[in-house]
Amino acid sequence: MQVKSGHVGAKEVRELEGTRKQEKAEIAALLTLKPPSKPMKEAVPADYYVSALFPDLRFPRLQILTIAELFAGKQLEYPRWVPPKTFKKAARRRKGPSDEEKQQELMGV
């Protein structure tokens, strides 16, 4: 992820794509203060990542997101795997004697 403020152009988008490839990252994101210009949008490659877990879904390899979009709840597009809930929570056990055991001990039983 790269964060930029001020004047951001197509050059920065192309540089980020070069870095993504160099680092062998599947997805890269550019977080900007201002909405992307038309040349910036055109510099984004039409390349998608397809996860082995989700072969039917495609995720843009380079994404541009503004601060305003982020605060509005927009998120990056990437594979999210949530493990299934298959186990019930175990009951908590005390380490020390129970209240009943303490009372019996005080009474000498």
PDB file of N, CA and C in Angstrom:
ATOM      1  N   MET A   1       0.848  -1.164   0.000  1.00  0.00           N
ATOM      2  CA  MET A   1       0.000   0.000   0.000  1.00  0.00           C
ATOM      3  C   MET A   1       0.892   1.225   0.000  1.00  0.00           C
ATOM      4  N   GLN A   2       0.505   2.174  -0.807  1.00  0.00           N
ATOM      5  CA  GLN A   2       1.238   3.426  -0.876  1.00  0.00           C
ATOM      6  C   GLN A   2       0.266   4.560  -0.575  1.00  0.00           C
ATOM      7  N   VAL A   3       0.692   5.505   0.257  1.00  0.00           N
ATOM      8  CA  VAL A   3      -0.141   6.632   0.644  1.00  0.00           C
ATOM      9  C   VAL A   3       0.477   7.897   0.071  1.00  0.00           C
ATOM     10  N   LYS A   4      -0.350   8.678  -0.636  1.00  0.00           N
ATOM     11  CA  LYS A   4       0.139   9.911  -1.263  1.00  0.00           C
ATOM     12  C   LYS A   4      -0.824  11.047  -0.971  1.00  0.00           C
ATOM     13  N   SER A   5      -0.266  12.246  -0.812  1.00  0.00           N
ATOM     14  CA  SER A   5      -1.090  13.448  -0.710  1.00  0.00           C
ATOM     15  C   SER A   5      -0.531  14.458  -1.704  1.00  0.00           C
ATOM     16  N   GLY A   6      -1.254  15.533  -1.894  1.00  0.00           N
ATOM     17  CA  GLY A   6      -0.785  16.528  -2.847  1.00  0.00           C
ATOM     18  C   GLY A   6      -1.047  16.084  -4.274  1.00  0.00           C
ATOM     19  N   HIS A   7      -0.196  16.506  -5.184  1.00  0.00           N
ATOM     20  CA  HIS A   7      -0.394  16.186  -6.605  1.00  0.00           C
ATOM     21  C   HIS A   7       0.053  14.757  -6.889  1.00  0.00           C
ATOM     22  N   VAL A   8      -0.884  13.925  -7.268  1.00  0.00           N
ATOM     23  CA  VAL A   8      -0.608  12.543  -7.628  1.00  0.00           C
ATOM     24  C   VAL A   8      -1.083  12.352  -9.059  1.00  0.00           C
ATOM     25  N   GLY A   9      -0.239  11.730  -9.867  1.00  0.00           N
ATOM     26  CA  GLY A   9      -0.599  11.550 -11.268  1.00  0.00           C
ATOM     27  C   GLY A   9      -0.390  10.131 -11.750  1.00  0.00           C
ATOM     28  N   ALA A  10      -0.497   9.969 -13.053  1.00  0.00           N
ATOM     29  CA  ALA A  10      -0.351   8.661 -13.680  1.00  0.00           C
ATOM     30  C   ALA A  10       1.042   8.081 -13.436  1.00  0.00           C
ATOM     31  N   LYS A  11       2.039   8.954 -13.301  1.00  0.00           N
ATOM     32  CA  LYS A  11       3.413   8.501 -13.063  1.00  0.00           C
ATOM     33  C   LYS A  11       3.480   7.663 -11.776  1.00  0.00           C
ATOM     34  N   GLU A  12       2.829   8.137 -10.725  1.00  0.00           N
ATOM     35  CA  GLU A  12       2.845   7.420  -9.441  1.00  0.00           C
ATOM     36  C   GLU A  12       2.118   6.075  -9.542  1.00  0.00           C
ATOM     37  N   VAL A  13       1.069   6.036 -10.343  1.00  0.00           N
ATOM     38  CA  VAL A  13       0.336   4.780 -10.535  1.00  0.00           C
ATOM     39  C   VAL A  13       1.240   3.768 -11.244  1.00  0.00           C
ATOM     40  N   ARG A  14       1.938   4.215 -12.304  1.00  0.00           N
ATOM     41  CA  ARG A  14       2.845   3.321 -13.036  1.00  0.00           C
ATOM     42  C   ARG A  14       4.008   2.862 -12.151  1.00  0.00           C
ATOM     43  N   GLU A  15       4.514   3.760 -11.308  1.00  0.00           N
ATOM     44  CA  GLU A  15       5.596   3.389 -10.385  1.00  0.00           C
ATOM     45  C   GLU A  15       5.127   2.335  -9.372  1.00  0.00           C
ATOM     46  N   LEU A  16       3.917   2.506  -8.858  1.00  0.00           N
ATOM     47  CA  LEU A  16       3.384   1.537  -7.903  1.00  0.00           C
ATOM     48  C   LEU A  16       3.197   0.173  -8.579  1.00  0.00           C
ATOM     49  N   GLU A  17       2.733   0.156  -9.810  1.00  0.00           N
ATOM     50  CA  GLU A  17       2.570  -1.105 -10.534  1.00  0.00           C
ATOM     51  C   GLU A  17       3.933  -1.777 -10.740  1.00  0.00           C
ATOM     52  N   GLY A  18       4.961  -0.980 -11.034  1.00  0.00           N
ATOM     53  CA  GLY A  18       6.313  -1.524 -11.172  1.00  0.00           C
ATOM     54  C   GLY A  18       6.810  -2.117  -9.860  1.00  0.00           C
ATOM     55  N   THR A  19       6.554  -1.429  -8.771  1.00  0.00           N
ATOM     56  CA  THR A  19       6.948  -1.925  -7.441  1.00  0.00           C
ATOM     57  C   THR A  19       6.186  -3.195  -7.092  1.00  0.00           C
ATOM     58  N   ARG A  20       4.893  -3.227  -7.414  1.00  0.00           N
ATOM     59  CA  ARG A  20       4.086  -4.420  -7.144  1.00  0.00           C
ATOM     60  C   ARG A  20       4.676  -5.635  -7.844  1.00  0.00           C
ATOM     61  N   LYS A  21       5.042  -5.453  -9.115  1.00  0.00           N
ATOM     62  CA  LYS A  21       5.630  -6.560  -9.871  1.00  0.00           C
ATOM     63  C   LYS A  21       6.999  -6.947  -9.320  1.00  0.00           C
ATOM     64  N   GLN A  22       7.813  -5.945  -9.009  1.00  0.00           N
ATOM     65  CA  GLN A  22       9.162  -6.196  -8.485  1.00  0.00           C
ATOM     66  C   GLN A  22       9.105  -6.964  -7.172  1.00  0.00           C
ATOM     67  N   GLU A  23       8.164  -6.610  -6.314  1.00  0.00           N
ATOM     68  CA  GLU A  23       8.028  -7.250  -5.007  1.00  0.00           C
ATOM     69  C   GLU A  23       7.210  -8.540  -5.074  1.00  0.00           C
ATOM     70  N   LYS A  24       6.716  -8.857  -6.254  1.00  0.00           N
ATOM     71  CA  LYS A  24       5.894 -10.057  -6.477  1.00  0.00           C
ATOM     72  C   LYS A  24       4.639 -10.056  -5.595  1.00  0.00           C
ATOM     73  N   ALA A  25       4.072  -8.857  -5.410  1.00  0.00           N
ATOM     74  CA  ALA A  25       2.830  -8.721  -4.645  1.00  0.00           C
ATOM     75  C   ALA A  25       1.653  -9.000  -5.571  1.00  0.00           C
ATOM     76  N   GLU A  26       0.645  -9.660  -5.051  1.00  0.00           N
ATOM     77  CA  GLU A  26      -0.524  -9.978  -5.860  1.00  0.00           C
ATOM     78  C   GLU A  26      -1.402  -8.754  -6.081  1.00  0.00           C
ATOM     79  N   ILE A  27      -1.524  -7.903  -5.040  1.00  0.00           N
ATOM     80  CA  ILE A  27      -2.393  -6.731  -5.107  1.00  0.00           C
ATOM     81  C   ILE A  27      -1.669  -5.538  -4.486  1.00  0.00           C
ATOM     82  N   ALA A  28      -1.846  -4.368  -5.091  1.00  0.00           N
ATOM     83  CA  ALA A  28      -1.277  -3.131  -4.556  1.00  0.00           C
ATOM     84  C   ALA A  28      -2.384  -2.087  -4.473  1.00  0.00           C
ATOM     85  N   ALA A  29      -2.229  -1.151  -3.547  1.00  0.00           N
ATOM     86  CA  ALA A  29      -3.236  -0.109  -3.372  1.00  0.00           C
ATOM     87  C   ALA A  29      -2.562   1.247  -3.231  1.00  0.00           C
ATOM     88  N   LEU A  30      -3.204   2.240  -3.827  1.00  0.00           N
ATOM     89  CA  LEU A  30      -2.750   3.622  -3.728  1.00  0.00           C
ATOM     90  C   LEU A  30      -3.830   4.389  -2.988  1.00  0.00           C
ATOM     91  N   LEU A  31      -3.498   4.915  -1.825  1.00  0.00           N
ATOM     92  CA  LEU A  31      -4.419   5.693  -1.011  1.00  0.00           C
ATOM     93  C   LEU A  31      -4.098   7.165  -1.231  1.00  0.00           C
ATOM     94  N   THR A  32      -5.085   7.926  -1.728  1.00  0.00           N
ATOM     95  CA  THR A  32      -4.854   9.323  -2.076  1.00  0.00           C
ATOM     96  C   THR A  32      -5.812  10.245  -1.327  1.00  0.00           C
ATOM     97  N   LEU A  33      -5.427  11.502  -1.276  1.00  0.00           N
ATOM     98  CA  LEU A  33      -6.272  12.507  -0.653  1.00  0.00           C
ATOM     99  C   LEU A  33      -7.375  12.939  -1.620  1.00  0.00           C
ATOM    100  N   LYS A  34      -7.018  13.117  -2.890  1.00  0.00           N
ATOM    101  CA  LYS A  34      -7.973  13.574  -3.912  1.00  0.00           C
ATOM    102  C   LYS A  34      -8.391  12.416  -4.815  1.00  0.00           C
ATOM    103  N   PRO A  35      -9.572  12.511  -5.421  1.00  0.00           N
ATOM    104  CA  PRO A  35     -10.003  11.464  -6.350  1.00  0.00           C
ATOM    105  C   PRO A  35      -9.022  11.333  -7.518  1.00  0.00           C
ATOM    106  N   PRO A  36      -8.887  10.117  -8.058  1.00  0.00           N
ATOM    107  CA  PRO A  36      -7.949   9.915  -9.166  1.00  0.00           C
ATOM    108  C   PRO A  36      -8.402  10.636 -10.433  1.00  0.00           C
ATOM    109  N   SER A  37      -7.431  11.167 -11.144  1.00  0.00           N
ATOM    110  CA  SER A  37      -7.717  11.843 -12.409  1.00  0.00           C
ATOM    111  C   SER A  37      -7.941  10.806 -13.505  1.00  0.00           C
ATOM    112  N   LYS A  38      -8.405  11.262 -14.655  1.00  0.00           N
ATOM    113  CA  LYS A  38      -8.632  10.346 -15.780  1.00  0.00           C
ATOM    114  C   LYS A  38      -7.325   9.670 -16.205  1.00  0.00           C
ATOM    115  N   PRO A  39      -6.196  10.419 -16.315  1.00  0.00           N
ATOM    116  CA  PRO A  39      -4.933   9.750 -16.665  1.00  0.00           C
ATOM    117  C   PRO A  39      -4.498   8.713 -15.624  1.00  0.00           C
ATOM    118  N   MET A  40      -4.796   8.964 -14.350  1.00  0.00           N
ATOM    119  CA  MET A  40      -4.461   7.989 -13.307  1.00  0.00           C
ATOM    120  C   MET A  40      -5.273   6.707 -13.506  1.00  0.00           C
ATOM    121  N   LYS A  41      -6.580   6.872 -13.758  1.00  0.00           N
ATOM    122  CA  LYS A  41      -7.441   5.709 -13.981  1.00  0.00           C
ATOM    123  C   LYS A  41      -6.986   4.919 -15.208  1.00  0.00           C
ATOM    124  N   GLU A  42      -6.561   5.630 -16.241  1.00  0.00           N
ATOM    125  CA  GLU A  42      -6.107   4.962 -17.464  1.00  0.00           C
ATOM    126  C   GLU A  42      -4.786   4.232 -17.253  1.00  0.00           C
ATOM    127  N   ALA A  43      -3.983   4.667 -16.272  1.00  0.00           N
ATOM    128  CA  ALA A  43      -2.687   4.038 -15.996  1.00  0.00           C
ATOM    129  C   ALA A  43      -2.836   2.750 -15.193  1.00  0.00           C
ATOM    130  N   VAL A  44      -4.002   2.523 -14.609  1.00  0.00           N
ATOM    131  CA  VAL A  44      -4.243   1.294 -13.842  1.00  0.00           C
ATOM    132  C   VAL A  44      -4.362   0.144 -14.841  1.00  0.00           C
ATOM    133  N   PRO A  45      -3.527  -0.883 -14.694  1.00  0.00           N
ATOM    134  CA  PRO A  45      -3.596  -2.002 -15.636  1.00  0.00           C
ATOM    135  C   PRO A  45      -4.897  -2.791 -15.482  1.00  0.00           C
ATOM    136  N   ALA A  46      -5.382  -3.324 -16.576  1.00  0.00           N
ATOM    137  CA  ALA A  46      -6.602  -4.143 -16.554  1.00  0.00           C
ATOM    138  C   ALA A  46      -6.210  -5.581 -16.249  1.00  0.00           C
ATOM    139  N   ASP A  47      -5.614  -5.763 -15.085  1.00  0.00           N
ATOM    140  CA  ASP A  47      -5.091  -7.060 -14.666  1.00  0.00           C
ATOM    141  C   ASP A  47      -5.774  -7.445 -13.365  1.00  0.00           C
ATOM    142  N   TYR A  48      -6.121  -8.715 -13.240  1.00  0.00           N
ATOM    143  CA  TYR A  48      -6.851  -9.166 -12.065  1.00  0.00           C
ATOM    144  C   TYR A  48      -6.150 -10.341 -11.399  1.00  0.00           C
ATOM    145  N   TYR A  49      -6.342 -10.419 -10.086  1.00  0.00           N
ATOM    146  CA  TYR A  49      -5.835 -11.539  -9.304  1.00  0.00           C
ATOM    147  C   TYR A  49      -6.999 -12.494  -9.050  1.00  0.00           C
ATOM    148  N   VAL A  50      -6.743 -13.785  -9.251  1.00  0.00           N
ATOM    149  CA  VAL A  50      -7.742 -14.814  -8.966  1.00  0.00           C
ATOM    150  C   VAL A  50      -7.140 -15.738  -7.918  1.00  0.00           C
ATOM    151  N   SER A  51      -7.809 -15.832  -6.783  1.00  0.00           N
ATOM    152  CA  SER A  51      -7.343 -16.644  -5.665  1.00  0.00           C
ATOM    153  C   SER A  51      -7.714 -18.107  -5.872  1.00  0.00           C
ATOM    154  N   ALA A  52      -6.865 -19.000  -5.398  1.00  0.00           N
ATOM    155  CA  ALA A  52      -7.171 -20.428  -5.460  1.00  0.00           C
ATOM    156  C   ALA A  52      -8.374 -20.765  -4.578  1.00  0.00           C
ATOM    157  N   LEU A  53      -8.569 -19.999  -3.492  1.00  0.00           N
ATOM    158  CA  LEU A  53      -9.717 -20.231  -2.605  1.00  0.00           C
ATOM    159  C   LEU A  53     -11.034 -19.780  -3.214  1.00  0.00           C
ATOM    160  N   PHE A  54     -10.965 -18.752  -4.055  1.00  0.00           N
ATOM    161  CA  PHE A  54     -12.162 -18.179  -4.664  1.00  0.00           C
ATOM    162  C   PHE A  54     -11.964 -18.059  -6.179  1.00  0.00           C
ATOM    163  N   PRO A  55     -11.956 -19.169  -6.907  1.00  0.00           N
ATOM    164  CA  PRO A  55     -11.647 -19.118  -8.340  1.00  0.00           C
ATOM    165  C   PRO A  55     -12.677 -18.362  -9.177  1.00  0.00           C
ATOM    166  N   ASP A  56     -13.870 -18.138  -8.645  1.00  0.00           N
ATOM    167  CA  ASP A  56     -14.902 -17.421  -9.392  1.00  0.00           C
ATOM    168  C   ASP A  56     -14.826 -15.903  -9.217  1.00  0.00           C
ATOM    169  N   LEU A  57     -13.979 -15.439  -8.310  1.00  0.00           N
ATOM    170  CA  LEU A  57     -13.877 -14.002  -8.035  1.00  0.00           C
ATOM    171  C   LEU A  57     -12.589 -13.422  -8.607  1.00  0.00           C
ATOM    172  N   ARG A  58     -12.693 -12.192  -9.128  1.00  0.00           N
ATOM    173  CA  ARG A  58     -11.513 -11.487  -9.644  1.00  0.00           C
ATOM    174  C   ARG A  58     -11.325 -10.212  -8.834  1.00  0.00           C
ATOM    175  N   PHE A  59     -10.058  -9.919  -8.509  1.00  0.00           N
ATOM    176  CA  PHE A  59      -9.737  -8.740  -7.724  1.00  0.00           C
ATOM    177  C   PHE A  59      -8.729  -7.891  -8.499  1.00  0.00           C
ATOM    178  N   PRO A  60      -8.991  -6.581  -8.673  1.00  0.00           N
ATOM    179  CA  PRO A  60      -8.030  -5.742  -9.397  1.00  0.00           C
ATOM    180  C   PRO A  60      -6.660  -5.784  -8.714  1.00  0.00           C
ATOM    181  N   ARG A  61      -5.620  -5.957  -9.510  1.00  0.00           N
ATOM    182  CA  ARG A  61      -4.259  -6.028  -8.952  1.00  0.00           C
ATOM    183  C   ARG A  61      -3.792  -4.675  -8.438  1.00  0.00           C
ATOM    184  N   LEU A  62      -4.245  -3.583  -9.033  1.00  0.00           N
ATOM    185  CA  LEU A  62      -3.887  -2.246  -8.559  1.00  0.00           C
ATOM    186  C   LEU A  62      -5.174  -1.473  -8.333  1.00  0.00           C
ATOM    187  N   GLN A  63      -5.336  -0.980  -7.116  1.00  0.00           N
ATOM    188  CA  GLN A  63      -6.552  -0.269  -6.753  1.00  0.00           C
ATOM    189  C   GLN A  63      -6.221   1.104  -6.202  1.00  0.00           C
ATOM    190  N   ILE A  64      -7.056   2.073  -6.548  1.00  0.00           N
ATOM    191  CA  ILE A  64      -6.907   3.435  -6.028  1.00  0.00           C
ATOM    192  C   ILE A  64      -8.097   3.704  -5.124  1.00  0.00           C
ATOM    193  N   LEU A  65      -7.802   4.179  -3.921  1.00  0.00           N
ATOM    194  CA  LEU A  65      -8.826   4.455  -2.920  1.00  0.00           C
ATOM    195  C   LEU A  65      -8.534   5.821  -2.312  1.00  0.00           C
ATOM    196  N   THR A  66      -9.565   6.640  -2.159  1.00  0.00           N
ATOM    197  CA  THR A  66      -9.361   7.952  -1.541  1.00  0.00           C
ATOM    198  C   THR A  66      -9.626   7.867  -0.041  1.00  0.00           C
ATOM    199  N   ILE A  67      -9.100   8.850   0.673  1.00  0.00           N
ATOM    200  CA  ILE A  67      -9.329   8.932   2.124  1.00  0.00           C
ATOM    201  C   ILE A  67     -10.836   9.030   2.400  1.00  0.00           C
ATOM    202  N   ALA A  68     -11.542   9.847   1.601  1.00  0.00           N
ATOM    203  CA  ALA A  68     -12.987  10.013   1.790  1.00  0.00           C
ATOM    204  C   ALA A  68     -13.707   8.681   1.607  1.00  0.00           C
ATOM    205  N   GLU A  69     -13.323   7.899   0.604  1.00  0.00           N
ATOM    206  CA  GLU A  69     -13.940   6.591   0.394  1.00  0.00           C
ATOM    207  C   GLU A  69     -13.660   5.663   1.573  1.00  0.00           C
ATOM    208  N   LEU A  70     -12.438   5.720   2.066  1.00  0.00           N
ATOM    209  CA  LEU A  70     -12.052   4.890   3.202  1.00  0.00           C
ATOM    210  C   LEU A  70     -12.902   5.223   4.424  1.00  0.00           C
ATOM    211  N   PHE A  71     -13.064   6.519   4.719  1.00  0.00           N
ATOM    212  CA  PHE A  71     -13.878   6.935   5.857  1.00  0.00           C
ATOM    213  C   PHE A  71     -15.359   6.625   5.648  1.00  0.00           C
ATOM    214  N   ALA A  72     -15.785   6.543   4.392  1.00  0.00           N
ATOM    215  CA  ALA A  72     -17.182   6.213   4.080  1.00  0.00           C
ATOM    216  C   ALA A  72     -17.440   4.709   4.169  1.00  0.00           C
ATOM    217  N   GLY A  73     -16.381   3.929   4.417  1.00  0.00           N
ATOM    218  CA  GLY A  73     -16.558   2.492   4.594  1.00  0.00           C
ATOM    219  C   GLY A  73     -16.120   1.635   3.429  1.00  0.00           C
ATOM    220  N   LYS A  74     -15.672   2.246   2.335  1.00  0.00           N
ATOM    221  CA  LYS A  74     -15.215   1.443   1.206  1.00  0.00           C
ATOM    222  C   LYS A  74     -13.934   0.706   1.605  1.00  0.00           C
ATOM    223  N   GLN A  75     -13.800  -0.514   1.121  1.00  0.00           N
ATOM    224  CA  GLN A  75     -12.628  -1.321   1.450  1.00  0.00           C
ATOM    225  C   GLN A  75     -11.935  -1.777   0.182  1.00  0.00           C
ATOM    226  N   LEU A  76     -10.683  -2.175   0.348  1.00  0.00           N
ATOM    227  CA  LEU A  76      -9.960  -2.753  -0.772  1.00  0.00           C
ATOM    228  C   LEU A  76     -10.600  -4.077  -1.146  1.00  0.00           C
ATOM    229  N   GLU A  77     -10.493  -4.427  -2.403  1.00  0.00           N
ATOM    230  CA  GLU A  77     -11.022  -5.699  -2.866  1.00  0.00           C
ATOM    231  C   GLU A  77      -9.898  -6.724  -2.832  1.00  0.00           C
ATOM    232  N   TYR A  78     -10.044  -7.718  -1.973  1.00  0.00           N
ATOM    233  CA  TYR A  78      -9.071  -8.803  -1.883  1.00  0.00           C
ATOM    234  C   TYR A  78      -9.758 -10.009  -1.269  1.00  0.00           C
ATOM    235  N   PRO A  79      -9.213 -11.208  -1.469  1.00  0.00           N
ATOM    236  CA  PRO A  79      -9.882 -12.391  -0.921  1.00  0.00           C
ATOM    237  C   PRO A  79      -9.881 -12.374   0.595  1.00  0.00           C
ATOM    238  N   ARG A  80     -11.052 -12.573   1.153  1.00  0.00           N
ATOM    239  CA  ARG A  80     -11.190 -12.632   2.609  1.00  0.00           C
ATOM    240  C   ARG A  80     -11.739 -14.003   2.963  1.00  0.00           C
ATOM    241  N   TRP A  81     -11.037 -14.702   3.797  1.00  0.00           N
ATOM    242  CA  TRP A  81     -11.489 -16.017   4.224  1.00  0.00           C
ATOM    243  C   TRP A  81     -11.790 -15.962   5.698  1.00  0.00           C
ATOM    244  N   VAL A  82     -12.996 -16.351   6.040  1.00  0.00           N
ATOM    245  CA  VAL A  82     -13.409 -16.390   7.441  1.00  0.00           C
ATOM    246  C   VAL A  82     -13.569 -17.860   7.806  1.00  0.00           C
ATOM    247  N   PRO A  83     -12.828 -18.341   8.794  1.00  0.00           N
ATOM    248  CA  PRO A  83     -12.941 -19.753   9.163  1.00  0.00           C
ATOM    249  C   PRO A  83     -14.345 -20.081   9.653  1.00  0.00           C
ATOM    250  N   PRO A  84     -14.844 -21.255   9.327  1.00  0.00           N
ATOM    251  CA  PRO A  84     -16.178 -21.623   9.788  1.00  0.00           C
ATOM    252  C   PRO A  84     -16.212 -21.809  11.305  1.00  0.00           C
ATOM    253  N   LYS A  85     -17.343 -21.517  11.894  1.00  0.00           N
ATOM    254  CA  LYS A  85     -17.510 -21.684  13.342  1.00  0.00           C
ATOM    255  C   LYS A  85     -18.044 -23.091  13.587  1.00  0.00           C
ATOM    256  N   THR A  86     -17.159 -23.980  13.963  1.00  0.00           N
ATOM    257  CA  THR A  86     -17.561 -25.374  14.145  1.00  0.00           C
ATOM    258  C   THR A  86     -17.467 -25.842  15.588  1.00  0.00           C
ATOM    259  N   PHE A  87     -16.838 -25.082  16.444  1.00  0.00           N
ATOM    260  CA  PHE A  87     -16.639 -25.514  17.820  1.00  0.00           C
ATOM    261  C   PHE A  87     -17.432 -24.627  18.770  1.00  0.00           C
ATOM    262  N   LYS A  88     -18.026 -25.247  19.787  1.00  0.00           N
ATOM    263  CA  LYS A  88     -18.706 -24.489  20.812  1.00  0.00           C
ATOM    264  C   LYS A  88     -17.677 -24.055  21.846  1.00  0.00           C
ATOM    265  N   LYS A  89     -17.952 -22.941  22.482  1.00  0.00           N
ATOM    266  CA  LYS A  89     -17.057 -22.446  23.512  1.00  0.00           C
ATOM    267  C   LYS A  89     -17.163 -23.327  24.748  1.00  0.00           C
ATOM    268  N   ALA A  90     -16.037 -23.731  25.259  1.00  0.00           N
ATOM    269  CA  ALA A  90     -16.009 -24.590  26.440  1.00  0.00           C
ATOM    270  C   ALA A  90     -16.398 -23.789  27.679  1.00  0.00           C
ATOM    271  N   ALA A  91     -16.996 -24.476  28.644  1.00  0.00           N
ATOM    272  CA  ALA A  91     -17.366 -23.844  29.912  1.00  0.00           C
ATOM    273  C   ALA A  91     -16.099 -23.511  30.690  1.00  0.00           C
ATOM    274  N   ARG A  92     -16.132 -22.401  31.379  1.00  0.00           N
ATOM    275  CA  ARG A  92     -14.978 -21.988  32.193  1.00  0.00           C
ATOM    276  C   ARG A  92     -14.927 -22.827  33.453  1.00  0.00           C
ATOM    277  N   ARG A  93     -13.738 -23.203  33.845  1.00  0.00           N
ATOM    278  CA  ARG A  93     -13.536 -23.982  35.074  1.00  0.00           C
ATOM    279  C   ARG A  93     -12.674 -23.182  36.023  1.00  0.00           C
ATOM    280  N   ARG A  94     -13.025 -23.265  37.286  1.00  0.00           N
ATOM    281  CA  ARG A  94     -12.230 -22.574  38.299  1.00  0.00           C
ATOM    282  C   ARG A  94     -10.999 -23.399  38.620  1.00  0.00           C
ATOM    283  N   LYS A  95      -9.945 -22.715  38.988  1.00  0.00           N
ATOM    284  CA  LYS A  95      -8.700 -23.405  39.360  1.00  0.00           C
ATOM    285  C   LYS A  95      -8.721 -23.867  40.809  1.00  0.00           C
ATOM    286  N   GLY A  96      -9.404 -23.128  41.635  1.00  0.00           N
ATOM    287  CA  GLY A  96      -9.426 -23.448  43.059  1.00  0.00           C
ATOM    288  C   GLY A  96     -10.662 -24.250  43.437  1.00  0.00           C
ATOM    289  N   PRO A  97     -10.832 -24.533  44.715  1.00  0.00           N
ATOM    290  CA  PRO A  97     -11.990 -25.300  45.167  1.00  0.00           C
ATOM    291  C   PRO A  97     -13.280 -24.508  44.980  1.00  0.00           C
ATOM    292  N   SER A  98     -14.377 -25.230  44.792  1.00  0.00           N
ATOM    293  CA  SER A  98     -15.673 -24.583  44.621  1.00  0.00           C
ATOM    294  C   SER A  98     -16.135 -23.997  45.955  1.00  0.00           C
ATOM    295  N   ASP A  99     -17.187 -23.195  45.924  1.00  0.00           N
ATOM    296  CA  ASP A  99     -17.739 -22.607  47.149  1.00  0.00           C
ATOM    297  C   ASP A  99     -18.226 -23.702  48.102  1.00  0.00           C
ATOM    298  N   GLU A 100     -18.821 -24.745  47.519  1.00  0.00           N
ATOM    299  CA  GLU A 100     -19.320 -25.856  48.333  1.00  0.00           C
ATOM    300  C   GLU A 100     -18.167 -26.566  49.033  1.00  0.00           C
ATOM    301  N   GLU A 101     -17.061 -26.780  48.347  1.00  0.00           N
ATOM    302  CA  GLU A 101     -15.896 -27.432  48.940  1.00  0.00           C
ATOM    303  C   GLU A 101     -15.291 -26.584  50.036  1.00  0.00           C
ATOM    304  N   LYS A 102     -15.256 -25.273  49.826  1.00  0.00           N
ATOM    305  CA  LYS A 102     -14.723 -24.361  50.853  1.00  0.00           C
ATOM    306  C   LYS A 102     -15.580 -24.429  52.118  1.00  0.00           C
ATOM    307  N   GLN A 103     -16.903 -24.429  51.942  1.00  0.00           N
ATOM    308  CA  GLN A 103     -17.810 -24.478  53.087  1.00  0.00           C
ATOM    309  C   GLN A 103     -17.665 -25.777  53.863  1.00  0.00           C
ATOM    310  N   GLN A 104     -17.516 -26.889  53.131  1.00  0.00           N
ATOM    311  CA  GLN A 104     -17.333 -28.181  53.804  1.00  0.00           C
ATOM    312  C   GLN A 104     -16.015 -28.207  54.560  1.00  0.00           C
ATOM    313  N   GLU A 105     -15.001 -27.600  54.024  1.00  0.00           N
ATOM    314  CA  GLU A 105     -13.688 -27.560  54.664  1.00  0.00           C
ATOM    315  C   GLU A 105     -13.767 -26.735  55.956  1.00  0.00           C
ATOM    316  N   LEU A 106     -14.510 -25.610  55.943  1.00  0.00           N
ATOM    317  CA  LEU A 106     -14.662 -24.777  57.127  1.00  0.00           C
ATOM    318  C   LEU A 106     -15.449 -25.509  58.221  1.00  0.00           C
ATOM    319  N   MET A 107     -16.379 -26.317  57.820  1.00  0.00           N
ATOM    320  CA  MET A 107     -17.217 -27.039  58.779  1.00  0.00           C
ATOM    321  C   MET A 107     -16.525 -28.307  59.267  1.00  0.00           C
ATOM    322  N   GLY A 108     -15.397 -28.671  58.654  1.00  0.00           N
ATOM    323  CA  GLY A 108     -14.644 -29.824  59.083  1.00  0.00           C
ATOM    324  C   GLY A 108     -15.219 -31.140  58.582  1.00  0.00           C
ATOM    325  N   VAL A 109     -15.926 -31.083  57.489  1.00  0.00           N
ATOM    326  CA  VAL A 109     -16.533 -32.313  56.945  1.00  0.00           C
ATOM    327  C   VAL A 109     -15.603 -32.958  55.969  1.00  0.00           C
TER     328      VAL A 109
END
